[in-house]
Amino acid sequence: MDTRLLRDQIDRGIAAGVGAPEIQQQLRLFWEKDSGPAAAAFVLSRFERLRPALAVTAARVAVLRSFTIEPVVPVVKAAASVNGIALDVYVGGYNAWIGRRTADRRALC
């Protein structure tokens, strides 16, 4: 199925009150066909609408980095969301990973 048709089907399903697990399955199928940054924005926005009605697992991830990671964060969060994981991502300061290894432990708890 074309991804545009899947988008429309997902939006119509949400508007019609189709069950959240069914819409999540459609989002998973959409994600399998298109897993880029634009698709991630779509998946995340629809997941947030469905989240209260889904049984999700919350998880936190910290990224200590020496490179630009921000463009990848929505893609990783979308991949997690179609699999029932609500991911909270903490991105450390650029090139500040050495000092942050232990200093930010409390932020992760």
N, C-alpha and C. Protein backbone atom coordinates (compact mmCIF):
# COMPACT_ATOMS: atom_id res chain seq x y z
N MET A 1 0.84 -1.18 0.00
CA MET A 1 0.00 0.00 0.00
C MET A 1 0.89 1.25 0.00
N ASP A 2 0.49 2.24 -0.73
CA ASP A 2 1.20 3.51 -0.82
C ASP A 2 1.19 4.20 0.55
N THR A 3 2.31 4.85 0.89
CA THR A 3 2.39 5.50 2.21
C THR A 3 1.39 6.64 2.34
N ARG A 4 1.08 7.32 1.23
CA ARG A 4 0.08 8.39 1.32
C ARG A 4 -1.30 7.82 1.69
N LEU A 5 -1.61 6.68 1.12
CA LEU A 5 -2.88 6.03 1.46
C LEU A 5 -2.89 5.58 2.91
N LEU A 6 -1.75 5.07 3.39
CA LEU A 6 -1.66 4.67 4.79
C LEU A 6 -1.84 5.86 5.72
N ARG A 7 -1.21 6.98 5.38
CA ARG A 7 -1.38 8.20 6.19
C ARG A 7 -2.85 8.57 6.29
N ASP A 8 -3.51 8.58 5.12
CA ASP A 8 -4.93 8.94 5.11
C ASP A 8 -5.76 7.94 5.92
N GLN A 9 -5.46 6.67 5.78
CA GLN A 9 -6.18 5.63 6.51
C GLN A 9 -5.99 5.80 8.01
N ILE A 10 -4.77 6.11 8.43
CA ILE A 10 -4.49 6.33 9.85
C ILE A 10 -5.27 7.53 10.37
N ASP A 11 -5.22 8.63 9.64
CA ASP A 11 -5.94 9.83 10.07
C ASP A 11 -7.45 9.62 10.11
N ARG A 12 -7.98 8.91 9.12
CA ARG A 12 -9.42 8.61 9.12
C ARG A 12 -9.78 7.70 10.29
N GLY A 13 -8.91 6.75 10.59
CA GLY A 13 -9.15 5.86 11.72
C GLY A 13 -9.17 6.59 13.04
N ILE A 14 -8.24 7.50 13.21
CA ILE A 14 -8.20 8.29 14.45
C ILE A 14 -9.46 9.13 14.56
N ALA A 15 -9.84 9.78 13.45
CA ALA A 15 -11.04 10.63 13.46
C ALA A 15 -12.31 9.82 13.73
N ALA A 16 -12.33 8.58 13.26
CA ALA A 16 -13.51 7.74 13.43
C ALA A 16 -13.54 7.02 14.78
N GLY A 17 -12.47 7.14 15.55
CA GLY A 17 -12.42 6.50 16.86
C GLY A 17 -12.06 5.03 16.82
N VAL A 18 -11.36 4.61 15.77
CA VAL A 18 -10.89 3.23 15.69
C VAL A 18 -9.96 2.98 16.88
N GLY A 19 -9.95 1.77 17.39
CA GLY A 19 -9.15 1.45 18.57
C GLY A 19 -7.67 1.77 18.40
N ALA A 20 -7.08 2.27 19.46
CA ALA A 20 -5.67 2.66 19.44
C ALA A 20 -4.73 1.53 19.03
N PRO A 21 -4.93 0.28 19.49
CA PRO A 21 -4.03 -0.79 19.07
C PRO A 21 -4.06 -1.03 17.54
N GLU A 22 -5.24 -0.88 16.94
CA GLU A 22 -5.34 -1.04 15.49
C GLU A 22 -4.61 0.08 14.75
N ILE A 23 -4.75 1.28 15.25
CA ILE A 23 -4.04 2.41 14.63
C ILE A 23 -2.54 2.26 14.83
N GLN A 24 -2.12 1.79 15.99
CA GLN A 24 -0.70 1.57 16.22
C GLN A 24 -0.15 0.54 15.24
N GLN A 25 -0.93 -0.49 14.94
CA GLN A 25 -0.52 -1.50 13.96
C GLN A 25 -0.36 -0.86 12.57
N GLN A 26 -1.27 0.03 12.22
CA GLN A 26 -1.17 0.73 10.94
C GLN A 26 0.07 1.63 10.93
N LEU A 27 0.34 2.28 12.06
CA LEU A 27 1.55 3.10 12.15
C LEU A 27 2.80 2.25 11.98
N ARG A 28 2.79 1.05 12.56
CA ARG A 28 3.93 0.13 12.41
C ARG A 28 4.13 -0.23 10.94
N LEU A 29 3.04 -0.53 10.24
CA LEU A 29 3.12 -0.85 8.82
C LEU A 29 3.64 0.35 8.03
N PHE A 30 3.13 1.54 8.34
CA PHE A 30 3.60 2.76 7.70
C PHE A 30 5.10 2.93 7.92
N TRP A 31 5.55 2.72 9.16
CA TRP A 31 6.96 2.89 9.52
C TRP A 31 7.84 1.88 8.79
N GLU A 32 7.34 0.68 8.59
CA GLU A 32 8.11 -0.33 7.85
C GLU A 32 8.33 0.10 6.40
N LYS A 33 7.40 0.85 5.85
CA LYS A 33 7.50 1.29 4.46
C LYS A 33 8.28 2.60 4.31
N ASP A 34 8.24 3.44 5.34
CA ASP A 34 8.90 4.75 5.27
C ASP A 34 9.40 5.11 6.66
N SER A 35 10.70 4.99 6.88
CA SER A 35 11.24 5.25 8.22
C SER A 35 12.21 6.42 8.24
N GLY A 36 11.92 7.45 7.47
CA GLY A 36 12.78 8.63 7.43
C GLY A 36 12.32 9.70 8.40
N PRO A 37 13.02 10.83 8.41
CA PRO A 37 12.69 11.93 9.33
C PRO A 37 11.27 12.48 9.17
N ALA A 38 10.80 12.63 7.93
CA ALA A 38 9.44 13.15 7.74
C ALA A 38 8.41 12.16 8.26
N ALA A 39 8.64 10.89 8.02
CA ALA A 39 7.74 9.85 8.52
C ALA A 39 7.77 9.82 10.04
N ALA A 40 8.93 10.06 10.62
CA ALA A 40 9.05 10.07 12.08
C ALA A 40 8.16 11.14 12.69
N ALA A 41 8.13 12.32 12.09
CA ALA A 41 7.29 13.40 12.60
C ALA A 41 5.82 12.99 12.57
N PHE A 42 5.41 12.35 11.48
CA PHE A 42 4.02 11.89 11.36
C PHE A 42 3.71 10.84 12.43
N VAL A 43 4.56 9.83 12.54
CA VAL A 43 4.35 8.75 13.50
C VAL A 43 4.28 9.30 14.92
N LEU A 44 5.20 10.17 15.28
CA LEU A 44 5.23 10.70 16.65
C LEU A 44 3.99 11.54 16.96
N SER A 45 3.54 12.33 16.01
CA SER A 45 2.36 13.16 16.27
C SER A 45 1.12 12.29 16.47
N ARG A 46 0.99 11.22 15.69
CA ARG A 46 -0.16 10.33 15.84
C ARG A 46 -0.03 9.48 17.10
N PHE A 47 1.18 9.06 17.42
CA PHE A 47 1.41 8.28 18.64
C PHE A 47 1.00 9.08 19.87
N GLU A 48 1.32 10.36 19.90
CA GLU A 48 0.96 11.19 21.05
C GLU A 48 -0.55 11.27 21.23
N ARG A 49 -1.29 11.25 20.13
CA ARG A 49 -2.75 11.25 20.22
C ARG A 49 -3.26 9.93 20.80
N LEU A 50 -2.60 8.84 20.45
CA LEU A 50 -3.04 7.50 20.86
C LEU A 50 -2.52 7.08 22.23
N ARG A 51 -1.44 7.69 22.64
CA ARG A 51 -0.72 7.23 23.84
C ARG A 51 -1.59 7.00 25.07
N PRO A 52 -2.52 7.88 25.38
CA PRO A 52 -3.34 7.62 26.58
C PRO A 52 -4.15 6.32 26.50
N ALA A 53 -4.44 5.86 25.30
CA ALA A 53 -5.26 4.65 25.15
C ALA A 53 -4.43 3.39 24.90
N LEU A 54 -3.12 3.52 24.91
CA LEU A 54 -2.24 2.38 24.65
C LEU A 54 -1.53 1.93 25.92
N ALA A 55 -1.23 0.66 25.98
CA ALA A 55 -0.37 0.14 27.04
C ALA A 55 1.06 0.24 26.53
N VAL A 56 1.77 1.27 26.99
CA VAL A 56 3.13 1.49 26.52
C VAL A 56 4.13 1.29 27.65
N THR A 57 5.34 1.00 27.27
CA THR A 57 6.44 0.90 28.21
C THR A 57 7.25 2.19 28.12
N ALA A 58 7.44 2.84 29.24
CA ALA A 58 8.24 4.06 29.26
C ALA A 58 9.72 3.69 29.40
N ALA A 59 10.56 4.39 28.66
CA ALA A 59 12.00 4.15 28.74
C ALA A 59 12.73 5.48 28.58
N ARG A 60 13.88 5.56 29.22
CA ARG A 60 14.71 6.76 29.13
C ARG A 60 16.06 6.38 28.55
N VAL A 61 16.56 7.22 27.66
CA VAL A 61 17.85 6.99 27.02
C VAL A 61 18.65 8.28 27.11
N ALA A 62 19.90 8.16 27.48
CA ALA A 62 20.80 9.32 27.50
C ALA A 62 21.85 9.13 26.41
N VAL A 63 22.12 10.21 25.69
CA VAL A 63 23.13 10.17 24.64
C VAL A 63 24.19 11.20 25.00
N LEU A 64 25.37 10.71 25.32
CA LEU A 64 26.52 11.59 25.55
C LEU A 64 27.28 11.60 24.24
N ARG A 65 27.58 12.77 23.74
CA ARG A 65 28.02 12.81 22.36
C ARG A 65 29.15 13.78 22.10
N SER A 66 29.80 13.54 20.98
CA SER A 66 30.79 14.48 20.46
C SER A 66 30.48 14.75 18.98
N PHE A 67 29.22 14.62 18.63
CA PHE A 67 28.75 14.89 17.26
C PHE A 67 27.28 15.30 17.34
N THR A 68 26.74 15.77 16.23
CA THR A 68 25.36 16.22 16.19
C THR A 68 24.44 15.02 16.07
N ILE A 69 23.62 14.80 17.08
CA ILE A 69 22.74 13.64 17.14
C ILE A 69 21.27 14.03 17.01
N GLU A 70 20.95 15.29 17.22
CA GLU A 70 19.56 15.72 17.29
C GLU A 70 18.69 15.28 16.11
N PRO A 71 19.17 15.29 14.87
CA PRO A 71 18.29 14.84 13.77
C PRO A 71 17.87 13.37 13.85
N VAL A 72 18.62 12.57 14.58
CA VAL A 72 18.32 11.14 14.69
C VAL A 72 17.31 10.85 15.80
N VAL A 73 17.20 11.74 16.77
CA VAL A 73 16.34 11.49 17.94
C VAL A 73 14.89 11.20 17.55
N PRO A 74 14.24 12.01 16.69
CA PRO A 74 12.86 11.69 16.34
C PRO A 74 12.71 10.35 15.63
N VAL A 75 13.69 9.97 14.85
CA VAL A 75 13.64 8.70 14.14
C VAL A 75 13.69 7.54 15.14
N VAL A 76 14.56 7.64 16.12
CA VAL A 76 14.67 6.60 17.14
C VAL A 76 13.39 6.55 17.99
N LYS A 77 12.85 7.72 18.33
CA LYS A 77 11.63 7.75 19.13
C LYS A 77 10.44 7.17 18.35
N ALA A 78 10.37 7.44 17.06
CA ALA A 78 9.29 6.88 16.23
C ALA A 78 9.41 5.37 16.14
N ALA A 79 10.63 4.88 15.94
CA ALA A 79 10.84 3.42 15.87
C ALA A 79 10.42 2.76 17.18
N ALA A 80 10.71 3.41 18.28
CA ALA A 80 10.30 2.87 19.58
C ALA A 80 8.78 2.91 19.73
N SER A 81 8.17 4.01 19.33
CA SER A 81 6.73 4.18 19.54
C SER A 81 5.89 3.14 18.80
N VAL A 82 6.28 2.78 17.58
CA VAL A 82 5.49 1.78 16.86
C VAL A 82 5.63 0.40 17.48
N ASN A 83 6.57 0.26 18.39
CA ASN A 83 6.76 -0.99 19.12
C ASN A 83 6.32 -0.90 20.57
N GLY A 84 5.53 0.13 20.88
CA GLY A 84 4.93 0.24 22.20
C GLY A 84 5.84 0.81 23.27
N ILE A 85 6.87 1.54 22.87
CA ILE A 85 7.80 2.12 23.84
C ILE A 85 7.74 3.64 23.73
N ALA A 86 7.44 4.29 24.84
CA ALA A 86 7.44 5.75 24.90
C ALA A 86 8.83 6.17 25.39
N LEU A 87 9.63 6.64 24.47
CA LEU A 87 11.03 6.92 24.75
C LEU A 87 11.24 8.38 25.12
N ASP A 88 11.91 8.60 26.24
CA ASP A 88 12.32 9.93 26.67
C ASP A 88 13.83 10.00 26.46
N VAL A 89 14.27 10.92 25.59
CA VAL A 89 15.68 10.98 25.22
C VAL A 89 16.33 12.23 25.80
N TYR A 90 17.42 12.02 26.49
CA TYR A 90 18.24 13.11 27.01
C TYR A 90 19.49 13.19 26.14
N VAL A 91 19.76 14.37 25.60
CA VAL A 91 20.96 14.57 24.78
C VAL A 91 21.89 15.50 25.54
N GLY A 92 23.07 15.00 25.86
CA GLY A 92 24.06 15.79 26.58
C GLY A 92 24.65 16.88 25.70
N GLY A 93 25.34 17.79 26.31
CA GLY A 93 25.96 18.89 25.58
C GLY A 93 27.02 18.41 24.61
N TYR A 94 27.21 19.17 23.55
CA TYR A 94 28.18 18.83 22.53
C TYR A 94 29.59 18.82 23.13
N ASN A 95 30.28 17.71 22.93
CA ASN A 95 31.66 17.52 23.38
C ASN A 95 31.82 17.67 24.90
N ALA A 96 30.76 17.49 25.63
CA ALA A 96 30.83 17.60 27.08
C ALA A 96 30.66 16.23 27.73
N TRP A 97 30.83 15.18 26.97
CA TRP A 97 30.53 13.84 27.46
C TRP A 97 31.45 13.37 28.57
N ILE A 98 32.69 13.78 28.58
CA ILE A 98 33.61 13.29 29.61
C ILE A 98 33.17 13.74 31.00
N GLY A 99 32.89 15.02 31.15
CA GLY A 99 32.47 15.54 32.45
C GLY A 99 31.07 15.11 32.83
N ARG A 100 30.24 14.79 31.85
CA ARG A 100 28.85 14.45 32.11
C ARG A 100 28.64 12.99 32.48
N ARG A 101 29.61 12.16 32.28
CA ARG A 101 29.42 10.73 32.53
C ARG A 101 28.87 10.48 33.93
N THR A 102 29.37 11.19 34.89
CA THR A 102 28.89 10.96 36.26
C THR A 102 28.05 12.13 36.77
N ALA A 103 28.27 13.34 36.27
CA ALA A 103 27.60 14.51 36.80
C ALA A 103 26.08 14.47 36.56
N ASP A 104 25.62 13.89 35.47
CA ASP A 104 24.20 13.90 35.14
C ASP A 104 23.46 12.63 35.54
N ARG A 105 24.03 11.82 36.37
CA ARG A 105 23.37 10.57 36.76
C ARG A 105 22.02 10.83 37.39
N ARG A 106 21.93 11.89 38.18
CA ARG A 106 20.64 12.18 38.83
C ARG A 106 19.57 12.53 37.82
N ALA A 107 19.94 13.15 36.70
CA ALA A 107 18.95 13.52 35.68
C ALA A 107 18.36 12.28 35.02
N LEU A 108 19.05 11.17 35.08
CA LEU A 108 18.59 9.94 34.43
C LEU A 108 17.74 9.07 35.34
N CYS A 109 17.74 9.33 36.63
CA CYS A 109 17.00 8.48 37.57
C CYS A 109 15.55 8.89 37.67
